[in-house]
Structure formats: structure tokens, C-alpha cells
Amino acid sequence: MEGIFFLWVAWGLWIYTTFMMRRNDRNRFTYSFILLCMICLFPYHVTLFSYEVYAAYIFLVVLTFIYIRLFGLRQKLYMLICILTIAMSYAGVGMIAIYDPVLMIIEPQVIAALLSMSLGFIFYSSIKKINVMFLSVLAGTMAGEVLLTVTLNKIGFGESVGDHLFLDMTACMALITITWKVIHALNALMSSKLSPNKGEIKNL
């Protein structure tokens, strides 16, 4: 069922941010509110300019613009390059999936998610910029979704914008980002535990 992966991931993250996240974390309420809104908006869509646009997608677009406006001019220009690169790659994968599906060894949404995240890692390799990286990847895939939908509509394919398959891909990208952050945190923890032992060995 389309969208079920997104719902499972969103519910799991909402449970974590609401009941398990540290209470003194300033982002705790924000994350919980965003996830709950995404879950509530999941089944709804509206018609804009003859396109069927899903409410959760519109919500993500508004959030992305709110956060991007907080960055400086240089950051915005760099992010724009990243967004355009990801948007074109996302639209390219979608076009290949339509015209030559034999090349799609796995689900196109998974390929698009992996490719978009890989490009995001190239543009933002530092773990300190992981939030900016995910924001750029999300904005790039949303721009690519519009580009792909408009292109397919011109050649006679009726497509919706930000459908449940897109939300599944977004959930996949969120899991990749969280996994990368957890691995980095575990690596830092292991390094901190091993560093005293290294000092003891040197003293010997």
C-alpha cells in the first residue's frame, strides 16, 4: 500500500520525539508538531492549476521556505545549486522509470532517495551541517517532483504532486539521515571511550 512506509516511520518518530526525547531539548515540541501535522494531512489533497497537490506536500513546502529564509545570502546561493542539482537528478530518475522501466532494478523511489541523499552528502559532507543537508535534499526533491509532474503532464500523463509514493521516499531519506547521525554519534562515543586507554598505553 502506497504511503504505509511513511506512516510507520512518522508514527515511530512521533512516539520518540513525544515520549522518549529529552524534555529540555528545545526542538522536541517542534519535531512532534511537524510529524503530527504530516500524519493528519496525509490523506488530503487539493487541486491547484489543474494539478492534484497533496496537503502534506504543501505543508513541507511551507516549512522549507520558513527555514530557508533564515540563512544568509551565500548559504542560500550554495543551497540553490544543491537544490537544482538534486531536482534535475530526481526528475531524470522519474523520466527513466517512465520510458525505460527495465533499467529500474529496484523501486524508482528508492533509487531517487539514495541518489538525492548521495548528492546531499557531496554538497554537505560535515556532520555539523546534517540539518541543512536534509533541508536541501528535501527542497531539491520537492522541486524535482514539480518539474517531473509538469513535464509528464505536457506529454499526456496525468500526475499528482507530492503523492503517497513521494512521502514514502521522504521517509526513506529521513531514515538515511537519522542512521548516518546515529552511526557518527556511536563512532564518537567509541572514540571517547578508547582515548583514555590509548593514553595509558603511551604512559607504559
N, C-alpha and C. Protein backbone atom coordinates (compact mmCIF):
# COMPACT_ATOMS: atom_id res chain seq x y z
N MET A 1 0.83 -1.20 0.00
CA MET A 1 0.00 0.00 0.00
C MET A 1 0.88 1.26 0.00
N GLU A 2 0.60 2.17 -0.92
CA GLU A 2 1.38 3.39 -1.01
C GLU A 2 1.17 4.26 0.23
N GLY A 3 2.26 4.73 0.77
CA GLY A 3 2.21 5.61 1.92
C GLY A 3 2.31 4.92 3.26
N ILE A 4 2.22 3.60 3.30
CA ILE A 4 2.25 2.89 4.58
C ILE A 4 3.62 2.99 5.23
N PHE A 5 4.68 3.01 4.41
CA PHE A 5 6.03 3.15 4.96
C PHE A 5 6.19 4.51 5.63
N PHE A 6 5.66 5.55 4.99
CA PHE A 6 5.73 6.89 5.58
C PHE A 6 4.99 6.93 6.91
N LEU A 7 3.80 6.34 6.96
CA LEU A 7 3.02 6.36 8.19
C LEU A 7 3.73 5.65 9.33
N TRP A 8 4.33 4.50 9.06
CA TRP A 8 5.07 3.76 10.09
C TRP A 8 6.25 4.58 10.61
N VAL A 9 7.00 5.16 9.69
CA VAL A 9 8.16 5.95 10.10
C VAL A 9 7.73 7.20 10.86
N ALA A 10 6.70 7.88 10.37
CA ALA A 10 6.22 9.10 11.03
C ALA A 10 5.70 8.81 12.43
N TRP A 11 4.92 7.74 12.57
CA TRP A 11 4.41 7.38 13.89
C TRP A 11 5.55 7.01 14.84
N GLY A 12 6.52 6.25 14.33
CA GLY A 12 7.65 5.86 15.16
C GLY A 12 8.45 7.07 15.63
N LEU A 13 8.71 8.00 14.72
CA LEU A 13 9.46 9.20 15.10
C LEU A 13 8.65 10.09 16.04
N TRP A 14 7.32 10.14 15.82
CA TRP A 14 6.48 10.95 16.72
C TRP A 14 6.48 10.38 18.13
N ILE A 15 6.41 9.08 18.26
CA ILE A 15 6.46 8.44 19.58
C ILE A 15 7.79 8.75 20.27
N TYR A 16 8.89 8.71 19.47
CA TYR A 16 10.20 9.00 20.05
C TYR A 16 10.30 10.45 20.51
N THR A 17 9.91 11.40 19.64
CA THR A 17 10.04 12.81 19.99
C THR A 17 9.09 13.23 21.11
N THR A 18 7.95 12.56 21.22
CA THR A 18 6.95 12.94 22.23
C THR A 18 7.23 12.33 23.59
N PHE A 19 7.63 11.05 23.61
CA PHE A 19 7.73 10.34 24.89
C PHE A 19 9.15 9.96 25.30
N MET A 20 10.09 9.94 24.36
CA MET A 20 11.43 9.44 24.67
C MET A 20 12.51 10.51 24.56
N MET A 21 12.24 11.56 23.82
CA MET A 21 13.24 12.62 23.65
C MET A 21 13.39 13.41 24.95
N ARG A 22 14.58 13.92 25.18
CA ARG A 22 14.82 14.68 26.41
C ARG A 22 13.90 15.89 26.50
N ARG A 23 13.33 16.10 27.67
CA ARG A 23 12.35 17.17 27.84
C ARG A 23 12.97 18.56 27.71
N ASN A 24 14.26 18.68 27.98
CA ASN A 24 14.90 20.00 27.89
C ASN A 24 15.39 20.31 26.48
N ASP A 25 15.14 19.40 25.53
CA ASP A 25 15.52 19.65 24.14
C ASP A 25 14.55 20.67 23.53
N ARG A 26 15.09 21.76 23.02
CA ARG A 26 14.23 22.84 22.53
C ARG A 26 13.49 22.47 21.25
N ASN A 27 13.98 21.46 20.52
CA ASN A 27 13.35 21.05 19.26
C ASN A 27 12.30 19.96 19.46
N ARG A 28 12.12 19.52 20.68
CA ARG A 28 11.22 18.40 20.95
C ARG A 28 9.79 18.70 20.51
N PHE A 29 9.24 19.82 20.92
CA PHE A 29 7.87 20.17 20.56
C PHE A 29 7.74 20.41 19.05
N THR A 30 8.74 21.07 18.47
CA THR A 30 8.69 21.38 17.03
C THR A 30 8.63 20.12 16.20
N TYR A 31 9.51 19.15 16.50
CA TYR A 31 9.52 17.90 15.77
C TYR A 31 8.20 17.15 15.93
N SER A 32 7.69 17.09 17.16
CA SER A 32 6.44 16.38 17.41
C SER A 32 5.28 17.03 16.67
N PHE A 33 5.24 18.35 16.67
CA PHE A 33 4.17 19.08 15.99
C PHE A 33 4.21 18.85 14.49
N ILE A 34 5.40 18.92 13.89
CA ILE A 34 5.54 18.72 12.45
C ILE A 34 5.13 17.31 12.06
N LEU A 35 5.58 16.32 12.80
CA LEU A 35 5.24 14.93 12.49
C LEU A 35 3.74 14.67 12.61
N LEU A 36 3.13 15.23 13.66
CA LEU A 36 1.70 15.02 13.85
C LEU A 36 0.89 15.70 12.74
N CYS A 37 1.33 16.88 12.32
CA CYS A 37 0.65 17.57 11.21
C CYS A 37 0.78 16.77 9.92
N MET A 38 1.95 16.19 9.68
CA MET A 38 2.15 15.39 8.48
C MET A 38 1.24 14.17 8.48
N ILE A 39 1.09 13.54 9.62
CA ILE A 39 0.22 12.36 9.72
C ILE A 39 -1.24 12.75 9.51
N CYS A 40 -1.65 13.87 10.10
CA CYS A 40 -3.05 14.31 9.96
C CYS A 40 -3.38 14.74 8.53
N LEU A 41 -2.40 15.34 7.83
CA LEU A 41 -2.63 15.83 6.47
C LEU A 41 -2.45 14.74 5.41
N PHE A 42 -1.99 13.58 5.82
CA PHE A 42 -1.65 12.51 4.89
C PHE A 42 -2.74 12.18 3.86
N PRO A 43 -4.00 12.02 4.23
CA PRO A 43 -4.99 11.57 3.24
C PRO A 43 -5.58 12.68 2.36
N TYR A 44 -5.25 13.94 2.62
CA TYR A 44 -5.94 15.04 1.95
C TYR A 44 -5.13 15.60 0.77
N HIS A 45 -5.85 16.14 -0.19
CA HIS A 45 -5.21 16.80 -1.32
C HIS A 45 -6.16 17.87 -1.87
N VAL A 46 -5.58 18.82 -2.58
CA VAL A 46 -6.35 19.91 -3.19
C VAL A 46 -5.97 20.00 -4.66
N THR A 47 -6.75 20.73 -5.43
CA THR A 47 -6.48 20.93 -6.85
C THR A 47 -5.98 22.35 -7.07
N LEU A 48 -4.76 22.47 -7.59
CA LEU A 48 -4.15 23.76 -7.87
C LEU A 48 -3.69 23.78 -9.32
N PHE A 49 -4.24 24.71 -10.11
CA PHE A 49 -3.85 24.85 -11.52
C PHE A 49 -3.98 23.51 -12.26
N SER A 50 -5.07 22.84 -12.02
CA SER A 50 -5.40 21.55 -12.65
C SER A 50 -4.51 20.40 -12.18
N TYR A 51 -3.66 20.62 -11.17
CA TYR A 51 -2.82 19.56 -10.62
C TYR A 51 -3.35 19.15 -9.26
N GLU A 52 -3.30 17.88 -8.98
CA GLU A 52 -3.71 17.35 -7.69
C GLU A 52 -2.51 17.40 -6.75
N VAL A 53 -2.56 18.29 -5.78
CA VAL A 53 -1.43 18.50 -4.86
C VAL A 53 -1.83 18.02 -3.47
N TYR A 54 -1.00 17.19 -2.89
CA TYR A 54 -1.31 16.63 -1.58
C TYR A 54 -0.98 17.62 -0.46
N ALA A 55 -1.80 17.62 0.57
CA ALA A 55 -1.69 18.61 1.64
C ALA A 55 -0.37 18.47 2.40
N ALA A 56 0.10 17.26 2.62
CA ALA A 56 1.36 17.05 3.34
C ALA A 56 2.52 17.66 2.56
N TYR A 57 2.46 17.57 1.23
CA TYR A 57 3.49 18.17 0.38
C TYR A 57 3.48 19.69 0.53
N ILE A 58 2.31 20.29 0.51
CA ILE A 58 2.20 21.75 0.68
C ILE A 58 2.76 22.16 2.03
N PHE A 59 2.45 21.39 3.05
CA PHE A 59 2.96 21.68 4.39
C PHE A 59 4.48 21.65 4.42
N LEU A 60 5.08 20.67 3.73
CA LEU A 60 6.54 20.57 3.68
C LEU A 60 7.14 21.75 2.92
N VAL A 61 6.48 22.18 1.85
CA VAL A 61 6.97 23.32 1.08
C VAL A 61 6.98 24.58 1.94
N VAL A 62 5.91 24.81 2.68
CA VAL A 62 5.82 25.99 3.55
C VAL A 62 6.92 25.95 4.62
N LEU A 63 7.11 24.77 5.25
CA LEU A 63 8.15 24.64 6.26
C LEU A 63 9.53 24.90 5.68
N THR A 64 9.78 24.38 4.49
CA THR A 64 11.08 24.56 3.85
C THR A 64 11.37 26.03 3.60
N PHE A 65 10.39 26.78 3.10
CA PHE A 65 10.58 28.21 2.86
C PHE A 65 10.81 28.96 4.17
N ILE A 66 10.12 28.56 5.24
CA ILE A 66 10.28 29.22 6.53
C ILE A 66 11.71 29.07 7.04
N TYR A 67 12.29 27.86 6.91
CA TYR A 67 13.64 27.61 7.41
C TYR A 67 14.70 28.21 6.49
N ILE A 68 14.48 28.15 5.17
CA ILE A 68 15.49 28.67 4.24
C ILE A 68 15.66 30.18 4.38
N ARG A 69 14.59 30.89 4.68
CA ARG A 69 14.69 32.35 4.77
C ARG A 69 15.58 32.79 5.93
N LEU A 70 15.90 31.90 6.86
CA LEU A 70 16.74 32.25 8.00
C LEU A 70 18.23 32.26 7.65
N PHE A 71 18.61 31.68 6.49
CA PHE A 71 20.01 31.60 6.12
C PHE A 71 20.48 32.89 5.46
N GLY A 72 21.81 33.05 5.44
CA GLY A 72 22.40 34.20 4.77
C GLY A 72 22.40 34.03 3.26
N LEU A 73 22.81 35.09 2.55
CA LEU A 73 22.76 35.09 1.09
C LEU A 73 23.69 34.03 0.50
N ARG A 74 24.91 33.91 1.01
CA ARG A 74 25.86 32.93 0.48
C ARG A 74 25.35 31.50 0.69
N GLN A 75 24.77 31.25 1.86
CA GLN A 75 24.22 29.93 2.14
C GLN A 75 23.06 29.61 1.21
N LYS A 76 22.23 30.61 0.94
CA LYS A 76 21.09 30.42 0.05
C LYS A 76 21.54 30.12 -1.38
N LEU A 77 22.57 30.83 -1.85
CA LEU A 77 23.06 30.60 -3.20
C LEU A 77 23.67 29.21 -3.33
N TYR A 78 24.44 28.80 -2.33
CA TYR A 78 25.02 27.45 -2.34
C TYR A 78 23.92 26.39 -2.28
N MET A 79 22.93 26.64 -1.44
CA MET A 79 21.81 25.72 -1.33
C MET A 79 21.02 25.65 -2.62
N LEU A 80 20.91 26.78 -3.32
CA LEU A 80 20.19 26.80 -4.60
C LEU A 80 20.86 25.87 -5.62
N ILE A 81 22.18 25.89 -5.67
CA ILE A 81 22.90 24.99 -6.57
C ILE A 81 22.62 23.54 -6.21
N CYS A 82 22.66 23.24 -4.91
CA CYS A 82 22.37 21.88 -4.44
C CYS A 82 20.95 21.47 -4.79
N ILE A 83 19.99 22.36 -4.58
CA ILE A 83 18.58 22.06 -4.85
C ILE A 83 18.35 21.80 -6.34
N LEU A 84 18.93 22.63 -7.19
CA LEU A 84 18.76 22.45 -8.64
C LEU A 84 19.38 21.14 -9.11
N THR A 85 20.54 20.80 -8.57
CA THR A 85 21.20 19.54 -8.94
C THR A 85 20.34 18.35 -8.56
N ILE A 86 19.83 18.36 -7.34
CA ILE A 86 19.00 17.25 -6.87
C ILE A 86 17.69 17.20 -7.63
N ALA A 87 17.11 18.36 -7.93
CA ALA A 87 15.83 18.41 -8.66
C ALA A 87 15.98 17.79 -10.04
N MET A 88 17.06 18.12 -10.74
CA MET A 88 17.26 17.56 -12.09
C MET A 88 17.53 16.06 -12.04
N SER A 89 18.29 15.62 -11.04
CA SER A 89 18.55 14.18 -10.92
C SER A 89 17.28 13.41 -10.56
N TYR A 90 16.46 14.00 -9.70
CA TYR A 90 15.19 13.37 -9.32
C TYR A 90 14.26 13.25 -10.51
N ALA A 91 14.14 14.34 -11.28
CA ALA A 91 13.29 14.31 -12.47
C ALA A 91 13.84 13.33 -13.50
N GLY A 92 15.16 13.24 -13.60
CA GLY A 92 15.76 12.29 -14.54
C GLY A 92 15.44 10.85 -14.20
N VAL A 93 15.52 10.51 -12.91
CA VAL A 93 15.17 9.16 -12.49
C VAL A 93 13.70 8.86 -12.78
N GLY A 94 12.84 9.85 -12.54
CA GLY A 94 11.41 9.66 -12.82
C GLY A 94 11.14 9.45 -14.30
N MET A 95 11.84 10.18 -15.17
CA MET A 95 11.65 10.02 -16.60
C MET A 95 12.14 8.65 -17.08
N ILE A 96 13.27 8.21 -16.54
CA ILE A 96 13.78 6.88 -16.90
C ILE A 96 12.81 5.80 -16.46
N ALA A 97 12.23 5.96 -15.27
CA ALA A 97 11.26 4.98 -14.77
C ALA A 97 10.03 4.89 -15.65
N ILE A 98 9.67 6.01 -16.31
CA ILE A 98 8.50 6.02 -17.19
C ILE A 98 8.83 5.42 -18.56
N TYR A 99 9.95 5.86 -19.14
CA TYR A 99 10.27 5.48 -20.52
C TYR A 99 11.02 4.16 -20.63
N ASP A 100 11.82 3.81 -19.63
CA ASP A 100 12.59 2.56 -19.70
C ASP A 100 12.62 1.90 -18.33
N PRO A 101 11.48 1.36 -17.88
CA PRO A 101 11.41 0.78 -16.53
C PRO A 101 12.28 -0.45 -16.33
N VAL A 102 12.75 -1.05 -17.42
CA VAL A 102 13.60 -2.24 -17.31
C VAL A 102 14.90 -1.90 -16.58
N LEU A 103 15.36 -0.64 -16.72
CA LEU A 103 16.60 -0.22 -16.06
C LEU A 103 16.45 -0.07 -14.55
N MET A 104 15.22 -0.02 -14.08
CA MET A 104 14.97 0.15 -12.65
C MET A 104 15.07 -1.20 -11.95
N ILE A 105 16.24 -1.51 -11.41
CA ILE A 105 16.44 -2.80 -10.74
C ILE A 105 15.62 -2.86 -9.45
N ILE A 106 15.56 -1.74 -8.74
CA ILE A 106 14.74 -1.64 -7.53
C ILE A 106 13.71 -0.54 -7.75
N GLU A 107 12.91 -0.26 -6.74
CA GLU A 107 11.86 0.74 -6.86
C GLU A 107 12.45 2.11 -7.21
N PRO A 108 11.84 2.83 -8.17
CA PRO A 108 12.36 4.16 -8.54
C PRO A 108 12.45 5.12 -7.37
N GLN A 109 11.51 5.00 -6.42
CA GLN A 109 11.53 5.90 -5.27
C GLN A 109 12.77 5.67 -4.40
N VAL A 110 13.17 4.41 -4.28
CA VAL A 110 14.37 4.08 -3.50
C VAL A 110 15.61 4.62 -4.21
N ILE A 111 15.66 4.44 -5.53
CA ILE A 111 16.79 4.95 -6.30
C ILE A 111 16.87 6.47 -6.18
N ALA A 112 15.72 7.14 -6.30
CA ALA A 112 15.70 8.60 -6.19
C ALA A 112 16.14 9.06 -4.81
N ALA A 113 15.71 8.34 -3.77
CA ALA A 113 16.10 8.70 -2.41
C ALA A 113 17.60 8.54 -2.20
N LEU A 114 18.15 7.41 -2.65
CA LEU A 114 19.58 7.15 -2.48
C LEU A 114 20.42 8.16 -3.28
N LEU A 115 19.99 8.44 -4.52
CA LEU A 115 20.72 9.40 -5.34
C LEU A 115 20.66 10.79 -4.74
N SER A 116 19.49 11.20 -4.29
CA SER A 116 19.34 12.54 -3.70
C SER A 116 20.17 12.69 -2.43
N MET A 117 20.16 11.66 -1.58
CA MET A 117 20.94 11.71 -0.36
C MET A 117 22.44 11.71 -0.66
N SER A 118 22.85 10.95 -1.67
CA SER A 118 24.27 10.92 -2.06
C SER A 118 24.73 12.30 -2.51
N LEU A 119 23.91 12.97 -3.31
CA LEU A 119 24.25 14.33 -3.74
C LEU A 119 24.27 15.29 -2.55
N GLY A 120 23.35 15.08 -1.61
CA GLY A 120 23.35 15.91 -0.41
C GLY A 120 24.62 15.73 0.41
N PHE A 121 25.10 14.49 0.53
CA PHE A 121 26.34 14.21 1.25
C PHE A 121 27.54 14.85 0.55
N ILE A 122 27.49 14.91 -0.78
CA ILE A 122 28.58 15.53 -1.54
C ILE A 122 28.62 17.04 -1.27
N PHE A 123 27.47 17.67 -1.26
CA PHE A 123 27.41 19.12 -1.04
C PHE A 123 27.66 19.48 0.42
N TYR A 124 27.17 18.66 1.34
CA TYR A 124 27.32 18.93 2.78
C TYR A 124 27.90 17.68 3.45
N SER A 125 29.21 17.59 3.46
CA SER A 125 29.87 16.39 3.98
C SER A 125 30.03 16.41 5.50
N SER A 126 29.95 17.58 6.11
CA SER A 126 30.15 17.69 7.55
C SER A 126 28.91 17.26 8.32
N ILE A 127 29.12 16.51 9.41
CA ILE A 127 28.00 16.07 10.24
C ILE A 127 27.33 17.27 10.92
N LYS A 128 28.07 18.37 11.08
CA LYS A 128 27.51 19.57 11.71
C LYS A 128 26.44 20.22 10.83
N LYS A 129 26.48 19.93 9.53
CA LYS A 129 25.54 20.53 8.60
C LYS A 129 24.45 19.55 8.18
N ILE A 130 24.22 18.52 8.98
CA ILE A 130 23.29 17.47 8.58
C ILE A 130 21.86 18.00 8.44
N ASN A 131 21.47 18.94 9.31
CA ASN A 131 20.12 19.51 9.21
C ASN A 131 19.96 20.33 7.93
N VAL A 132 20.99 21.11 7.61
CA VAL A 132 20.97 21.90 6.38
C VAL A 132 20.97 20.97 5.16
N MET A 133 21.74 19.90 5.26
CA MET A 133 21.79 18.92 4.17
C MET A 133 20.42 18.30 3.91
N PHE A 134 19.75 17.86 4.96
CA PHE A 134 18.44 17.24 4.79
C PHE A 134 17.43 18.25 4.26
N LEU A 135 17.52 19.49 4.72
CA LEU A 135 16.62 20.54 4.22
C LEU A 135 16.84 20.79 2.73
N SER A 136 18.11 20.79 2.31
CA SER A 136 18.42 20.99 0.89
C SER A 136 17.94 19.82 0.05
N VAL A 137 18.15 18.61 0.54
CA VAL A 137 17.70 17.42 -0.19
C VAL A 137 16.18 17.40 -0.30
N LEU A 138 15.52 17.74 0.78
CA LEU A 138 14.05 17.78 0.77
C LEU A 138 13.54 18.82 -0.22
N ALA A 139 14.15 20.01 -0.20
CA ALA A 139 13.74 21.06 -1.14
C ALA A 139 14.03 20.64 -2.58
N GLY A 140 15.17 19.97 -2.79
CA GLY A 140 15.51 19.52 -4.13
C GLY A 140 14.55 18.48 -4.67
N THR A 141 14.16 17.52 -3.85
CA THR A 141 13.21 16.51 -4.29
C THR A 141 11.82 17.09 -4.53
N MET A 142 11.43 18.08 -3.71
CA MET A 142 10.13 18.71 -3.93
C MET A 142 10.12 19.51 -5.23
N ALA A 143 11.24 20.21 -5.51
CA ALA A 143 11.35 20.93 -6.79
C ALA A 143 11.37 19.94 -7.96
N GLY A 144 12.07 18.82 -7.77
CA GLY A 144 12.10 17.80 -8.80
C GLY A 144 10.74 17.16 -9.04
N GLU A 145 9.96 17.03 -7.99
CA GLU A 145 8.60 16.49 -8.11
C GLU A 145 7.74 17.40 -8.98
N VAL A 146 7.85 18.70 -8.78
CA VAL A 146 7.09 19.64 -9.62
C VAL A 146 7.58 19.59 -11.06
N LEU A 147 8.89 19.59 -11.24
CA LEU A 147 9.47 19.54 -12.58
C LEU A 147 9.04 18.27 -13.32
N LEU A 148 9.07 17.15 -12.64
CA LEU A 148 8.67 15.88 -13.27
C LEU A 148 7.19 15.87 -13.60
N THR A 149 6.37 16.34 -12.69
CA THR A 149 4.92 16.34 -12.91
C THR A 149 4.52 17.23 -14.07
N VAL A 150 5.10 18.43 -14.14
CA VAL A 150 4.79 19.35 -15.24
C VAL A 150 5.23 18.77 -16.57
N THR A 151 6.41 18.15 -16.59
CA THR A 151 6.92 17.55 -17.83
C THR A 151 6.03 16.40 -18.30
N LEU A 152 5.65 15.54 -17.38
CA LEU A 152 4.79 14.40 -17.75
C LEU A 152 3.40 14.88 -18.18
N ASN A 153 2.92 15.95 -17.55
CA ASN A 153 1.61 16.47 -17.93
C ASN A 153 1.62 17.03 -19.36
N LYS A 154 2.74 17.59 -19.78
CA LYS A 154 2.85 18.15 -21.13
C LYS A 154 2.76 17.06 -22.20
N ILE A 155 3.16 15.84 -21.86
CA ILE A 155 3.13 14.76 -22.85
C ILE A 155 1.95 13.81 -22.63
N GLY A 156 1.01 14.23 -21.81
CA GLY A 156 -0.23 13.48 -21.70
C GLY A 156 -0.39 12.58 -20.51
N PHE A 157 0.57 12.62 -19.58
CA PHE A 157 0.45 11.79 -18.38
C PHE A 157 -0.17 12.62 -17.27
N GLY A 158 -1.25 12.11 -16.68
CA GLY A 158 -1.86 12.81 -15.56
C GLY A 158 -1.19 12.41 -14.27
N GLU A 159 -0.50 13.33 -13.65
CA GLU A 159 0.25 13.04 -12.44
C GLU A 159 -0.17 13.97 -11.31
N SER A 160 -0.02 13.50 -10.09
CA SER A 160 -0.26 14.32 -8.91
C SER A 160 1.07 14.76 -8.32
N VAL A 161 1.04 15.80 -7.52
CA VAL A 161 2.25 16.36 -6.92
C VAL A 161 2.31 15.98 -5.45
N GLY A 162 3.42 15.37 -5.04
CA GLY A 162 3.60 15.03 -3.63
C GLY A 162 2.68 13.93 -3.15
N ASP A 163 2.51 12.89 -3.96
CA ASP A 163 1.60 11.81 -3.59
C ASP A 163 2.21 10.93 -2.50
N HIS A 164 1.53 9.83 -2.20
CA HIS A 164 1.97 8.96 -1.11
C HIS A 164 3.30 8.29 -1.40
N LEU A 165 3.61 8.03 -2.67
CA LEU A 165 4.91 7.47 -3.03
C LEU A 165 6.03 8.46 -2.73
N PHE A 166 5.75 9.74 -2.97
CA PHE A 166 6.73 10.77 -2.64
C PHE A 166 6.96 10.82 -1.13
N LEU A 167 5.91 10.68 -0.35
CA LEU A 167 6.05 10.69 1.11
C LEU A 167 6.83 9.47 1.58
N ASP A 168 6.64 8.33 0.93
CA ASP A 168 7.45 7.14 1.25
C ASP A 168 8.93 7.43 1.02
N MET A 169 9.23 8.09 -0.10
CA MET A 169 10.62 8.43 -0.40
C MET A 169 11.18 9.41 0.62
N THR A 170 10.36 10.37 1.06
CA THR A 170 10.78 11.32 2.08
C THR A 170 11.11 10.61 3.39
N ALA A 171 10.28 9.63 3.76
CA ALA A 171 10.53 8.85 4.97
C ALA A 171 11.82 8.06 4.84
N CYS A 172 12.09 7.53 3.65
CA CYS A 172 13.33 6.79 3.41
C CYS A 172 14.54 7.71 3.58
N MET A 173 14.45 8.93 3.06
CA MET A 173 15.56 9.88 3.20
C MET A 173 15.76 10.27 4.66
N ALA A 174 14.66 10.42 5.39
CA ALA A 174 14.77 10.75 6.82
C ALA A 174 15.46 9.64 7.59
N LEU A 175 15.15 8.39 7.27
CA LEU A 175 15.80 7.26 7.94
C LEU A 175 17.28 7.21 7.62
N ILE A 176 17.65 7.49 6.37
CA ILE A 176 19.07 7.51 6.00
C ILE A 176 19.81 8.58 6.79
N THR A 177 19.20 9.77 6.91
CA THR A 177 19.82 10.87 7.66
C THR A 177 19.97 10.51 9.13
N ILE A 178 18.94 9.94 9.73
CA ILE A 178 18.99 9.56 11.14
C ILE A 178 20.03 8.47 11.36
N THR A 179 20.10 7.50 10.45
CA THR A 179 21.07 6.42 10.57
C THR A 179 22.49 6.95 10.52
N TRP A 180 22.73 7.89 9.58
CA TRP A 180 24.07 8.48 9.48
C TRP A 180 24.44 9.23 10.76
N LYS A 181 23.47 9.93 11.34
CA LYS A 181 23.72 10.69 12.56
C LYS A 181 23.98 9.75 13.74
N VAL A 182 23.24 8.64 13.82
CA VAL A 182 23.43 7.67 14.90
C VAL A 182 24.79 7.00 14.79
N ILE A 183 25.18 6.61 13.57
CA ILE A 183 26.48 5.98 13.36
C ILE A 183 27.61 6.92 13.77
N HIS A 184 27.48 8.19 13.40
CA HIS A 184 28.50 9.17 13.76
C HIS A 184 28.56 9.35 15.28
N ALA A 185 27.39 9.36 15.95
CA ALA A 185 27.37 9.51 17.41
C ALA A 185 28.00 8.30 18.09
N LEU A 186 27.70 7.10 17.59
CA LEU A 186 28.31 5.89 18.16
C LEU A 186 29.82 5.87 17.94
N ASN A 187 30.25 6.33 16.79
CA ASN A 187 31.68 6.39 16.50
C ASN A 187 32.38 7.36 17.44
N ALA A 188 31.74 8.52 17.69
CA ALA A 188 32.32 9.50 18.61
C ALA A 188 32.36 8.95 20.03
N LEU A 189 31.31 8.19 20.42
CA LEU A 189 31.26 7.59 21.76
C LEU A 189 32.37 6.56 21.93
N MET A 190 32.54 5.71 20.92
CA MET A 190 33.59 4.70 20.99
C MET A 190 34.98 5.34 21.03
N SER A 191 35.16 6.41 20.28
CA SER A 191 36.46 7.09 20.27
C SER A 191 36.77 7.70 21.63
N SER A 192 35.73 8.27 22.28
CA SER A 192 35.94 8.87 23.60
C SER A 192 36.25 7.82 24.66
N LYS A 193 35.69 6.61 24.50
CA LYS A 193 35.95 5.53 25.46
C LYS A 193 37.34 4.93 25.26
N LEU A 194 37.81 4.92 24.02
CA LEU A 194 39.11 4.33 23.73
C LEU A 194 40.26 5.28 23.97
N SER A 195 40.02 6.58 23.96
CA SER A 195 41.10 7.55 24.11
C SER A 195 41.82 7.46 25.46
N PRO A 196 41.14 7.23 26.62
CA PRO A 196 41.88 7.08 27.88
C PRO A 196 42.79 5.87 27.85
N ASN A 197 42.32 4.77 27.22
CA ASN A 197 43.15 3.57 27.15
C ASN A 197 44.39 3.83 26.32
N LYS A 198 44.27 4.62 25.26
CA LYS A 198 45.44 4.95 24.45
C LYS A 198 46.46 5.73 25.27
N GLY A 199 45.94 6.64 26.12
CA GLY A 199 46.84 7.41 26.97
C GLY A 199 47.57 6.53 27.96
N GLU A 200 46.88 5.52 28.52
CA GLU A 200 47.52 4.60 29.45
C GLU A 200 48.59 3.78 28.77
N ILE A 201 48.34 3.37 27.53
CA ILE A 201 49.34 2.60 26.80
C ILE A 201 50.57 3.42 26.54
N LYS A 202 50.38 4.71 26.18
CA LYS A 202 51.52 5.58 25.92
C LYS A 202 52.35 5.79 27.18
N ASN A 203 51.69 5.87 28.36
CA ASN A 203 52.42 6.08 29.61
C ASN A 203 53.28 4.87 29.97
N LEU A 204 52.83 3.68 29.56
CA LEU A 204 53.64 2.50 29.81
C LEU A 204 54.92 2.52 29.00
